[in-house]
């Protein structure tokens, strides 16, 4: 099967209790762009969403009775760590680690 041009061979798929809030957060903090948003039943929530951060695609959906939210971790490279970190906090994010230089580079 040929990979469609707007996808990558591996992409995270997140099931979230607050999918709409995640979409807005990703747009404000990471300058994510919407690739596809399929509303849930009755136009409520998100049945399937896709955002792009640079070339990376993240798929996500709102949780349901059959599909519960699960924890996940992702590693993102950003060009302006201070801006992204501050925007994340301003948008209600929780800091687990303040930006600092490590042996492998800057991390937050």
PDB file of N, CA and C in Angstrom:
ATOM      1  N   UNK A   1       0.846  -1.179   0.000  1.00  0.00           N
ATOM      2  CA  UNK A   1       0.000   0.000   0.000  1.00  0.00           C
ATOM      3  C   UNK A   1       0.890   1.240   0.000  1.00  0.00           C
ATOM      4  N   UNK A   2       0.600   2.171  -0.859  1.00  0.00           N
ATOM      5  CA  UNK A   2       1.358   3.415  -0.926  1.00  0.00           C
ATOM      6  C   UNK A   2       0.877   4.370   0.161  1.00  0.00           C
ATOM      7  N   UNK A   3       1.807   4.991   0.860  1.00  0.00           N
ATOM      8  CA  UNK A   3       1.463   5.949   1.914  1.00  0.00           C
ATOM      9  C   UNK A   3       0.953   7.223   1.246  1.00  0.00           C
ATOM     10  N   UNK A   4      -0.238   7.703   1.624  1.00  0.00           N
ATOM     11  CA  UNK A   4      -0.738   8.955   1.046  1.00  0.00           C
ATOM     12  C   UNK A   4       0.239  10.103   1.318  1.00  0.00           C
ATOM     13  N   UNK A   5       0.284  11.059   0.430  1.00  0.00           N
ATOM     14  CA  UNK A   5       1.271  12.137   0.516  1.00  0.00           C
ATOM     15  C   UNK A   5       1.119  13.008   1.766  1.00  0.00           C
ATOM     16  N   UNK A   6      -0.049  13.031   2.375  1.00  0.00           N
ATOM     17  CA  UNK A   6      -0.253  13.875   3.557  1.00  0.00           C
ATOM     18  C   UNK A   6      -0.064  13.108   4.868  1.00  0.00           C
ATOM     19  N   UNK A   7       0.484  11.897   4.804  1.00  0.00           N
ATOM     20  CA  UNK A   7       0.728  11.094   5.999  1.00  0.00           C
ATOM     21  C   UNK A   7       2.183  10.636   6.049  1.00  0.00           C
ATOM     22  N   UNK A   8       2.566  10.144   7.224  1.00  0.00           N
ATOM     23  CA  UNK A   8       3.887   9.572   7.444  1.00  0.00           C
ATOM     24  C   UNK A   8       3.720   8.091   7.773  1.00  0.00           C
ATOM     25  N   UNK A   9       4.787   7.302   7.725  1.00  0.00           N
ATOM     26  CA  UNK A   9       4.641   5.875   7.983  1.00  0.00           C
ATOM     27  C   UNK A   9       4.205   5.539   9.408  1.00  0.00           C
ATOM     28  N   UNK A  10       4.521   6.400  10.381  1.00  0.00           N
ATOM     29  CA  UNK A  10       4.117   6.175  11.765  1.00  0.00           C
ATOM     30  C   UNK A  10       3.561   7.485  12.310  1.00  0.00           C
ATOM     31  N   UNK A  11       2.370   7.419  12.902  1.00  0.00           N
ATOM     32  CA  UNK A  11       1.741   8.611  13.468  1.00  0.00           C
ATOM     33  C   UNK A  11       1.055   8.244  14.770  1.00  0.00           C
ATOM     34  N   UNK A  12       1.164   9.094  15.794  1.00  0.00           N
ATOM     35  CA  UNK A  12       0.437   8.824  17.034  1.00  0.00           C
ATOM     36  C   UNK A  12      -1.060   9.015  16.820  1.00  0.00           C
ATOM     37  N   UNK A  13      -1.856   8.248  17.563  1.00  0.00           N
ATOM     38  CA  UNK A  13      -3.313   8.420  17.568  1.00  0.00           C
ATOM     39  C   UNK A  13      -3.728   8.514  19.030  1.00  0.00           C
ATOM     40  N   UNK A  14      -4.196   9.676  19.432  1.00  0.00           N
ATOM     41  CA  UNK A  14      -4.557   9.943  20.815  1.00  0.00           C
ATOM     42  C   UNK A  14      -6.066   9.877  21.006  1.00  0.00           C
ATOM     43  N   UNK A  15      -6.508   9.241  22.068  1.00  0.00           N
ATOM     44  CA  UNK A  15      -7.909   9.243  22.479  1.00  0.00           C
ATOM     45  C   UNK A  15      -7.973  10.151  23.704  1.00  0.00           C
ATOM     46  N   UNK A  16      -8.749  11.228  23.610  1.00  0.00           N
ATOM     47  CA  UNK A  16      -8.706  12.281  24.617  1.00  0.00           C
ATOM     48  C   UNK A  16     -10.088  12.620  25.167  1.00  0.00           C
ATOM     49  N   UNK A  17     -10.166  12.852  26.467  1.00  0.00           N
ATOM     50  CA  UNK A  17     -11.412  13.313  27.073  1.00  0.00           C
ATOM     51  C   UNK A  17     -11.753  14.727  26.616  1.00  0.00           C
ATOM     52  N   UNK A  18     -10.743  15.523  26.307  1.00  0.00           N
ATOM     53  CA  UNK A  18     -10.955  16.919  25.909  1.00  0.00           C
ATOM     54  C   UNK A  18     -10.312  17.168  24.540  1.00  0.00           C
ATOM     55  N   UNK A  19     -10.846  16.516  23.517  1.00  0.00           N
ATOM     56  CA  UNK A  19     -10.260  16.599  22.179  1.00  0.00           C
ATOM     57  C   UNK A  19     -10.325  18.013  21.611  1.00  0.00           C
ATOM     58  N   UNK A  20     -11.408  18.710  21.812  1.00  0.00           N
ATOM     59  CA  UNK A  20     -11.523  20.073  21.293  1.00  0.00           C
ATOM     60  C   UNK A  20     -10.507  20.982  21.971  1.00  0.00           C
ATOM     61  N   UNK A  21     -10.357  20.838  23.274  1.00  0.00           N
ATOM     62  CA  UNK A  21      -9.385  21.641  24.004  1.00  0.00           C
ATOM     63  C   UNK A  21      -7.960  21.320  23.544  1.00  0.00           C
ATOM     64  N   UNK A  22      -7.688  20.032  23.285  1.00  0.00           N
ATOM     65  CA  UNK A  22      -6.375  19.639  22.764  1.00  0.00           C
ATOM     66  C   UNK A  22      -6.096  20.319  21.427  1.00  0.00           C
ATOM     67  N   UNK A  23      -7.084  20.344  20.549  1.00  0.00           N
ATOM     68  CA  UNK A  23      -6.924  20.973  19.243  1.00  0.00           C
ATOM     69  C   UNK A  23      -6.551  22.447  19.399  1.00  0.00           C
ATOM     70  N   UNK A  24      -7.285  23.160  20.209  1.00  0.00           N
ATOM     71  CA  UNK A  24      -7.009  24.583  20.415  1.00  0.00           C
ATOM     72  C   UNK A  24      -5.646  24.799  21.062  1.00  0.00           C
ATOM     73  N   UNK A  25      -5.303  23.974  22.037  1.00  0.00           N
ATOM     74  CA  UNK A  25      -4.005  24.052  22.719  1.00  0.00           C
ATOM     75  C   UNK A  25      -2.870  23.848  21.717  1.00  0.00           C
ATOM     76  N   UNK A  26      -2.961  22.817  20.898  1.00  0.00           N
ATOM     77  CA  UNK A  26      -1.913  22.506  19.926  1.00  0.00           C
ATOM     78  C   UNK A  26      -1.752  23.640  18.914  1.00  0.00           C
ATOM     79  N   UNK A  27      -2.850  24.256  18.531  1.00  0.00           N
ATOM     80  CA  UNK A  27      -2.784  25.369  17.587  1.00  0.00           C
ATOM     81  C   UNK A  27      -2.093  26.580  18.215  1.00  0.00           C
ATOM     82  N   UNK A  28      -2.424  26.887  19.458  1.00  0.00           N
ATOM     83  CA  UNK A  28      -1.864  28.064  20.117  1.00  0.00           C
ATOM     84  C   UNK A  28      -0.414  27.861  20.547  1.00  0.00           C
ATOM     85  N   UNK A  29      -0.079  26.672  21.028  1.00  0.00           N
ATOM     86  CA  UNK A  29       1.263  26.425  21.564  1.00  0.00           C
ATOM     87  C   UNK A  29       2.250  26.014  20.476  1.00  0.00           C
ATOM     88  N   UNK A  30       1.848  25.103  19.602  1.00  0.00           N
ATOM     89  CA  UNK A  30       2.763  24.529  18.620  1.00  0.00           C
ATOM     90  C   UNK A  30       2.517  25.012  17.194  1.00  0.00           C
ATOM     91  N   UNK A  31       1.611  25.975  17.040  1.00  0.00           N
ATOM     92  CA  UNK A  31       1.245  26.466  15.708  1.00  0.00           C
ATOM     93  C   UNK A  31       0.763  25.330  14.807  1.00  0.00           C
ATOM     94  N   UNK A  32       0.084  24.364  15.407  1.00  0.00           N
ATOM     95  CA  UNK A  32      -0.453  23.231  14.649  1.00  0.00           C
ATOM     96  C   UNK A  32      -1.509  23.729  13.668  1.00  0.00           C
ATOM     97  N   UNK A  33      -1.615  23.039  12.554  1.00  0.00           N
ATOM     98  CA  UNK A  33      -2.658  23.341  11.581  1.00  0.00           C
ATOM     99  C   UNK A  33      -3.584  22.138  11.465  1.00  0.00           C
ATOM    100  N   UNK A  34      -4.844  22.413  11.205  1.00  0.00           N
ATOM    101  CA  UNK A  34      -5.823  21.335  11.033  1.00  0.00           C
ATOM    102  C   UNK A  34      -5.633  20.692   9.664  1.00  0.00           C
ATOM    103  N   UNK A  35      -5.553  19.377   9.668  1.00  0.00           N
ATOM    104  CA  UNK A  35      -5.515  18.639   8.411  1.00  0.00           C
ATOM    105  C   UNK A  35      -6.888  18.047   8.127  1.00  0.00           C
ATOM    106  N   UNK A  36      -7.557  17.576   9.188  1.00  0.00           N
ATOM    107  CA  UNK A  36      -8.906  17.028   9.038  1.00  0.00           C
ATOM    108  C   UNK A  36      -9.568  17.031  10.409  1.00  0.00           C
ATOM    109  N   UNK A  37     -10.817  17.488  10.458  1.00  0.00           N
ATOM    110  CA  UNK A  37     -11.609  17.428  11.682  1.00  0.00           C
ATOM    111  C   UNK A  37     -12.973  16.866  11.310  1.00  0.00           C
ATOM    112  N   UNK A  38     -13.324  15.724  11.891  1.00  0.00           N
ATOM    113  CA  UNK A  38     -14.628  15.102  11.669  1.00  0.00           C
ATOM    114  C   UNK A  38     -15.408  15.226  12.975  1.00  0.00           C
ATOM    115  N   UNK A  39     -16.474  16.026  12.972  1.00  0.00           N
ATOM    116  CA  UNK A  39     -17.244  16.209  14.209  1.00  0.00           C
ATOM    117  C   UNK A  39     -17.899  14.911  14.665  1.00  0.00           C
ATOM    118  N   UNK A  40     -18.138  14.836  15.973  1.00  0.00           N
ATOM    119  CA  UNK A  40     -18.848  13.696  16.533  1.00  0.00           C
ATOM    120  C   UNK A  40     -20.338  13.785  16.240  1.00  0.00           C
ATOM    121  N   UNK A  41     -21.085  12.804  16.726  1.00  0.00           N
ATOM    122  CA  UNK A  41     -22.531  12.777  16.521  1.00  0.00           C
ATOM    123  C   UNK A  41     -23.167  14.082  16.959  1.00  0.00           C
ATOM    124  N   UNK A  42     -24.082  14.581  16.143  1.00  0.00           N
ATOM    125  CA  UNK A  42     -24.780  15.811  16.469  1.00  0.00           C
ATOM    126  C   UNK A  42     -23.878  17.030  16.452  1.00  0.00           C
ATOM    127  N   UNK A  43     -22.703  16.919  15.815  1.00  0.00           N
ATOM    128  CA  UNK A  43     -21.784  18.036  15.751  1.00  0.00           C
ATOM    129  C   UNK A  43     -21.036  18.297  17.042  1.00  0.00           C
ATOM    130  N   UNK A  44     -21.163  17.382  18.002  1.00  0.00           N
ATOM    131  CA  UNK A  44     -20.495  17.553  19.297  1.00  0.00           C
ATOM    132  C   UNK A  44     -19.185  16.781  19.321  1.00  0.00           C
ATOM    133  N   UNK A  45     -18.178  17.400  19.867  1.00  0.00           N
ATOM    134  CA  UNK A  45     -16.898  16.724  20.034  1.00  0.00           C
ATOM    135  C   UNK A  45     -16.204  16.470  18.705  1.00  0.00           C
ATOM    136  N   UNK A  46     -15.193  15.633  18.755  1.00  0.00           N
ATOM    137  CA  UNK A  46     -14.415  15.278  17.565  1.00  0.00           C
ATOM    138  C   UNK A  46     -14.362  13.760  17.467  1.00  0.00           C
ATOM    139  N   UNK A  47     -14.926  13.229  16.388  1.00  0.00           N
ATOM    140  CA  UNK A  47     -14.889  11.789  16.156  1.00  0.00           C
ATOM    141  C   UNK A  47     -13.509  11.380  15.630  1.00  0.00           C
ATOM    142  N   UNK A  48     -12.915  12.228  14.782  1.00  0.00           N
ATOM    143  CA  UNK A  48     -11.577  11.980  14.256  1.00  0.00           C
ATOM    144  C   UNK A  48     -10.969  13.322  13.895  1.00  0.00           C
ATOM    145  N   UNK A  49      -9.742  13.537  14.369  1.00  0.00           N
ATOM    146  CA  UNK A  49      -9.044  14.770  14.039  1.00  0.00           C
ATOM    147  C   UNK A  49      -7.621  14.486  13.622  1.00  0.00           C
ATOM    148  N   UNK A  50      -7.089  15.372  12.801  1.00  0.00           N
ATOM    149  CA  UNK A  50      -5.699  15.288  12.376  1.00  0.00           C
ATOM    150  C   UNK A  50      -5.124  16.690  12.373  1.00  0.00           C
ATOM    151  N   UNK A  51      -3.980  16.847  13.040  1.00  0.00           N
ATOM    152  CA  UNK A  51      -3.270  18.110  13.003  1.00  0.00           C
ATOM    153  C   UNK A  51      -1.863  17.862  12.494  1.00  0.00           C
ATOM    154  N   UNK A  52      -1.258  18.937  12.000  1.00  0.00           N
ATOM    155  CA  UNK A  52       0.132  18.873  11.566  1.00  0.00           C
ATOM    156  C   UNK A  52       0.943  19.878  12.364  1.00  0.00           C
ATOM    157  N   UNK A  53       2.091  19.436  12.837  1.00  0.00           N
ATOM    158  CA  UNK A  53       3.091  20.300  13.429  1.00  0.00           C
ATOM    159  C   UNK A  53       4.322  20.113  12.556  1.00  0.00           C
ATOM    160  N   UNK A  54       4.636  21.128  11.780  1.00  0.00           N
ATOM    161  CA  UNK A  54       5.613  21.012  10.689  1.00  0.00           C
ATOM    162  C   UNK A  54       5.120  19.898   9.772  1.00  0.00           C
ATOM    163  N   UNK A  55       5.878  18.845   9.596  1.00  0.00           N
ATOM    164  CA  UNK A  55       5.448  17.742   8.719  1.00  0.00           C
ATOM    165  C   UNK A  55       4.827  16.586   9.491  1.00  0.00           C
ATOM    166  N   UNK A  56       4.896  16.632  10.817  1.00  0.00           N
ATOM    167  CA  UNK A  56       4.373  15.539  11.640  1.00  0.00           C
ATOM    168  C   UNK A  56       2.847  15.604  11.721  1.00  0.00           C
ATOM    169  N   UNK A  57       2.214  14.464  11.619  1.00  0.00           N
ATOM    170  CA  UNK A  57       0.763  14.360  11.729  1.00  0.00           C
ATOM    171  C   UNK A  57       0.427  13.663  13.048  1.00  0.00           C
ATOM    172  N   UNK A  58      -0.489  14.254  13.803  1.00  0.00           N
ATOM    173  CA  UNK A  58      -1.006  13.637  15.023  1.00  0.00           C
ATOM    174  C   UNK A  58      -2.498  13.443  14.815  1.00  0.00           C
ATOM    175  N   UNK A  59      -2.947  12.208  14.933  1.00  0.00           N
ATOM    176  CA  UNK A  59      -4.367  11.900  14.848  1.00  0.00           C
ATOM    177  C   UNK A  59      -4.925  11.817  16.263  1.00  0.00           C
ATOM    178  N   UNK A  60      -6.202  12.172  16.419  1.00  0.00           N
ATOM    179  CA  UNK A  60      -6.814  12.141  17.741  1.00  0.00           C
ATOM    180  C   UNK A  60      -8.326  12.063  17.610  1.00  0.00           C
ATOM    181  N   UNK A  61      -8.946  11.691  18.715  1.00  0.00           N
ATOM    182  CA  UNK A  61     -10.404  11.602  18.763  1.00  0.00           C
ATOM    183  C   UNK A  61     -10.859  11.802  20.195  1.00  0.00           C
ATOM    184  N   UNK A  62     -12.108  12.192  20.339  1.00  0.00           N
ATOM    185  CA  UNK A  62     -12.689  12.287  21.666  1.00  0.00           C
ATOM    186  C   UNK A  62     -12.975  10.901  22.209  1.00  0.00           C
ATOM    187  N   UNK A  63     -12.817  10.757  23.506  1.00  0.00           N
ATOM    188  CA  UNK A  63     -13.085   9.460  24.135  1.00  0.00           C
ATOM    189  C   UNK A  63     -14.578   9.149  24.083  1.00  0.00           C
ATOM    190  N   UNK A  64     -14.878   7.856  24.145  1.00  0.00           N
ATOM    191  CA  UNK A  64     -16.265   7.379  24.163  1.00  0.00           C
ATOM    192  C   UNK A  64     -16.356   6.253  25.193  1.00  0.00           C
ATOM    193  N   UNK A  65     -17.537   5.697  25.325  1.00  0.00           N
ATOM    194  CA  UNK A  65     -17.700   4.561  26.226  1.00  0.00           C
ATOM    195  C   UNK A  65     -16.832   3.379  25.827  1.00  0.00           C
ATOM    196  N   UNK A  66     -16.630   3.190  24.537  1.00  0.00           N
ATOM    197  CA  UNK A  66     -15.816   2.083  24.040  1.00  0.00           C
ATOM    198  C   UNK A  66     -14.336   2.437  23.918  1.00  0.00           C
ATOM    199  N   UNK A  67     -14.030   3.707  23.771  1.00  0.00           N
ATOM    200  CA  UNK A  67     -12.659   4.154  23.566  1.00  0.00           C
ATOM    201  C   UNK A  67     -12.312   5.170  24.656  1.00  0.00           C
ATOM    202  N   UNK A  68     -11.664   4.701  25.709  1.00  0.00           N
ATOM    203  CA  UNK A  68     -11.326   5.545  26.850  1.00  0.00           C
ATOM    204  C   UNK A  68      -9.975   6.240  26.642  1.00  0.00           C
ATOM    205  N   UNK A  69      -9.836   7.414  27.270  1.00  0.00           N
ATOM    206  CA  UNK A  69      -8.565   8.131  27.226  1.00  0.00           C
ATOM    207  C   UNK A  69      -7.465   7.277  27.854  1.00  0.00           C
ATOM    208  N   UNK A  70      -6.286   7.342  27.262  1.00  0.00           N
ATOM    209  CA  UNK A  70      -5.124   6.626  27.787  1.00  0.00           C
ATOM    210  C   UNK A  70      -3.946   7.599  27.825  1.00  0.00           C
ATOM    211  N   UNK A  71      -2.993   7.322  28.684  1.00  0.00           N
ATOM    212  CA  UNK A  71      -1.810   8.175  28.735  1.00  0.00           C
ATOM    213  C   UNK A  71      -0.925   7.925  27.518  1.00  0.00           C
ATOM    214  N   UNK A  72      -0.189   8.949  27.150  1.00  0.00           N
ATOM    215  CA  UNK A  72       0.736   8.848  26.023  1.00  0.00           C
ATOM    216  C   UNK A  72       1.827   9.878  26.220  1.00  0.00           C
ATOM    217  N   UNK A  73       2.944   9.638  25.629  1.00  0.00           N
ATOM    218  CA  UNK A  73       4.031  10.603  25.654  1.00  0.00           C
ATOM    219  C   UNK A  73       4.520  10.839  24.238  1.00  0.00           C
ATOM    220  N   UNK A  74       4.921  12.072  23.953  1.00  0.00           N
ATOM    221  CA  UNK A  74       5.472  12.401  22.644  1.00  0.00           C
ATOM    222  C   UNK A  74       6.666  13.307  22.847  1.00  0.00           C
ATOM    223  N   UNK A  75       7.631  13.190  21.992  1.00  0.00           N
ATOM    224  CA  UNK A  75       8.808  14.035  22.012  1.00  0.00           C
ATOM    225  C   UNK A  75       8.711  14.970  20.818  1.00  0.00           C
ATOM    226  N   UNK A  76       8.779  16.269  21.057  1.00  0.00           N
ATOM    227  CA  UNK A  76       8.690  17.254  19.983  1.00  0.00           C
ATOM    228  C   UNK A  76       9.946  18.101  19.952  1.00  0.00           C
ATOM    229  N   UNK A  77      10.518  18.262  18.774  1.00  0.00           N
ATOM    230  CA  UNK A  77      11.590  19.223  18.579  1.00  0.00           C
ATOM    231  C   UNK A  77      10.937  20.548  18.245  1.00  0.00           C
ATOM    232  N   UNK A  78      11.363  21.618  18.908  1.00  0.00           N
ATOM    233  CA  UNK A  78      10.835  22.943  18.612  1.00  0.00           C
ATOM    234  C   UNK A  78      12.007  23.890  18.383  1.00  0.00           C
ATOM    235  N   UNK A  79      11.773  24.926  17.598  1.00  0.00           N
ATOM    236  CA  UNK A  79      12.836  25.867  17.278  1.00  0.00           C
ATOM    237  C   UNK A  79      12.997  26.927  18.364  1.00  0.00           C
ATOM    238  N   UNK A  80      11.954  27.272  19.079  1.00  0.00           N
ATOM    239  CA  UNK A  80      12.015  28.324  20.092  1.00  0.00           C
ATOM    240  C   UNK A  80      11.462  27.771  21.402  1.00  0.00           C
ATOM    241  N   UNK A  81      12.320  27.098  22.154  1.00  0.00           N
ATOM    242  CA  UNK A  81      11.902  26.416  23.377  1.00  0.00           C
ATOM    243  C   UNK A  81      11.230  27.361  24.357  1.00  0.00           C
ATOM    244  N   UNK A  82      11.812  28.531  24.578  1.00  0.00           N
ATOM    245  CA  UNK A  82      11.233  29.476  25.547  1.00  0.00           C
ATOM    246  C   UNK A  82       9.825  29.890  25.138  1.00  0.00           C
ATOM    247  N   UNK A  83       9.609  30.217  23.854  1.00  0.00           N
ATOM    248  CA  UNK A  83       8.278  30.619  23.383  1.00  0.00           C
ATOM    249  C   UNK A  83       7.267  29.500  23.575  1.00  0.00           C
ATOM    250  N   UNK A  84       7.644  28.290  23.166  1.00  0.00           N
ATOM    251  CA  UNK A  84       6.726  27.159  23.278  1.00  0.00           C
ATOM    252  C   UNK A  84       6.434  26.845  24.739  1.00  0.00           C
ATOM    253  N   UNK A  85       7.460  26.836  25.568  1.00  0.00           N
ATOM    254  CA  UNK A  85       7.272  26.557  26.991  1.00  0.00           C
ATOM    255  C   UNK A  85       6.334  27.591  27.615  1.00  0.00           C
ATOM    256  N   UNK A  86       6.598  28.878  27.375  1.00  0.00           N
ATOM    257  CA  UNK A  86       5.760  29.936  27.947  1.00  0.00           C
ATOM    258  C   UNK A  86       4.334  29.874  27.418  1.00  0.00           C
ATOM    259  N   UNK A  87       4.174  29.611  26.126  1.00  0.00           N
ATOM    260  CA  UNK A  87       2.831  29.487  25.555  1.00  0.00           C
ATOM    261  C   UNK A  87       2.089  28.307  26.172  1.00  0.00           C
ATOM    262  N   UNK A  88       2.796  27.211  26.394  1.00  0.00           N
ATOM    263  CA  UNK A  88       2.173  26.026  27.000  1.00  0.00           C
ATOM    264  C   UNK A  88       1.651  26.340  28.400  1.00  0.00           C
ATOM    265  N   UNK A  89       2.443  27.044  29.190  1.00  0.00           N
ATOM    266  CA  UNK A  89       2.020  27.415  30.544  1.00  0.00           C
ATOM    267  C   UNK A  89       0.851  28.394  30.484  1.00  0.00           C
ATOM    268  N   UNK A  90       0.936  29.395  29.595  1.00  0.00           N
ATOM    269  CA  UNK A  90      -0.140  30.381  29.446  1.00  0.00           C
ATOM    270  C   UNK A  90      -1.455  29.727  29.037  1.00  0.00           C
ATOM    271  N   UNK A  91      -1.395  28.639  28.296  1.00  0.00           N
ATOM    272  CA  UNK A  91      -2.597  27.952  27.832  1.00  0.00           C
ATOM    273  C   UNK A  91      -3.068  26.873  28.806  1.00  0.00           C
ATOM    274  N   UNK A  92      -2.501  26.857  30.011  1.00  0.00           N
ATOM    275  CA  UNK A  92      -2.970  25.932  31.039  1.00  0.00           C
ATOM    276  C   UNK A  92      -2.163  24.663  31.183  1.00  0.00           C
ATOM    277  N   UNK A  93      -1.045  24.566  30.488  1.00  0.00           N
ATOM    278  CA  UNK A  93      -0.193  23.385  30.608  1.00  0.00           C
ATOM    279  C   UNK A  93       0.472  23.328  31.974  1.00  0.00           C
ATOM    280  N   UNK A  94       0.924  22.155  32.339  1.00  0.00           N
ATOM    281  CA  UNK A  94       1.610  21.937  33.604  1.00  0.00           C
ATOM    282  C   UNK A  94       3.080  21.652  33.325  1.00  0.00           C
ATOM    283  N   UNK A  95       3.956  22.382  33.994  1.00  0.00           N
ATOM    284  CA  UNK A  95       5.384  22.177  33.807  1.00  0.00           C
ATOM    285  C   UNK A  95       5.848  20.976  34.621  1.00  0.00           C
ATOM    286  N   UNK A  96       6.475  20.041  33.960  1.00  0.00           N
ATOM    287  CA  UNK A  96       7.109  18.918  34.639  1.00  0.00           C
ATOM    288  C   UNK A  96       8.596  19.174  34.795  1.00  0.00           C
ATOM    289  N   UNK A  97       9.128  20.079  33.957  1.00  0.00           N
ATOM    290  CA  UNK A  97      10.559  20.397  33.989  1.00  0.00           C
ATOM    291  C   UNK A  97      10.751  21.740  33.292  1.00  0.00           C
ATOM    292  N   UNK A  98      11.360  22.691  33.976  1.00  0.00           N
ATOM    293  CA  UNK A  98      11.647  23.983  33.357  1.00  0.00           C
ATOM    294  C   UNK A  98      12.722  23.808  32.297  1.00  0.00           C
ATOM    295  N   UNK A  99      12.720  24.670  31.271  1.00  0.00           N
ATOM    296  CA  UNK A  99      13.740  24.562  30.225  1.00  0.00           C
ATOM    297  C   UNK A  99      15.146  24.662  30.805  1.00  0.00           C
ATOM    298  N   UNK A 100      15.976  23.703  30.429  1.00  0.00           N
ATOM    299  CA  UNK A 100      17.364  23.738  30.871  1.00  0.00           C
ATOM    300  C   UNK A 100      18.235  22.970  29.886  1.00  0.00           C
ATOM    301  N   UNK A 101      19.510  23.338  29.876  1.00  0.00           N
ATOM    302  CA  UNK A 101      20.457  22.664  28.986  1.00  0.00           C
ATOM    303  C   UNK A 101      20.901  21.354  29.626  1.00  0.00           C
ATOM    304  N   UNK A 102      20.808  20.287  28.848  1.00  0.00           N
ATOM    305  CA  UNK A 102      21.259  18.959  29.262  1.00  0.00           C
ATOM    306  C   UNK A 102      22.451  18.564  28.392  1.00  0.00           C
ATOM    307  N   UNK A 103      23.023  17.414  28.657  1.00  0.00           N
ATOM    308  CA  UNK A 103      24.133  16.927  27.833  1.00  0.00           C
ATOM    309  C   UNK A 103      23.723  16.759  26.366  1.00  0.00           C
ATOM    310  N   UNK A 104      22.474  16.430  26.126  1.00  0.00           N
ATOM    311  CA  UNK A 104      21.979  16.156  24.769  1.00  0.00           C
ATOM    312  C   UNK A 104      21.307  17.359  24.127  1.00  0.00           C
ATOM    313  N   UNK A 105      21.239  18.503  24.807  1.00  0.00           N
ATOM    314  CA  UNK A 105      20.597  19.697  24.264  1.00  0.00           C
ATOM    315  C   UNK A 105      19.633  20.280  25.276  1.00  0.00           C
ATOM    316  N   UNK A 106      18.840  21.224  24.832  1.00  0.00           N
ATOM    317  CA  UNK A 106      17.865  21.841  25.726  1.00  0.00           C
ATOM    318  C   UNK A 106      16.628  20.956  25.825  1.00  0.00           C
ATOM    319  N   UNK A 107      16.013  20.977  27.004  1.00  0.00           N
ATOM    320  CA  UNK A 107      14.858  20.121  27.236  1.00  0.00           C
ATOM    321  C   UNK A 107      13.918  20.817  28.214  1.00  0.00           C
ATOM    322  N   UNK A 108      12.624  20.523  28.093  1.00  0.00           N
ATOM    323  CA  UNK A 108      11.622  21.040  29.026  1.00  0.00           C
ATOM    324  C   UNK A 108      10.449  20.079  29.054  1.00  0.00           C
TER     325      UNK A 108
END
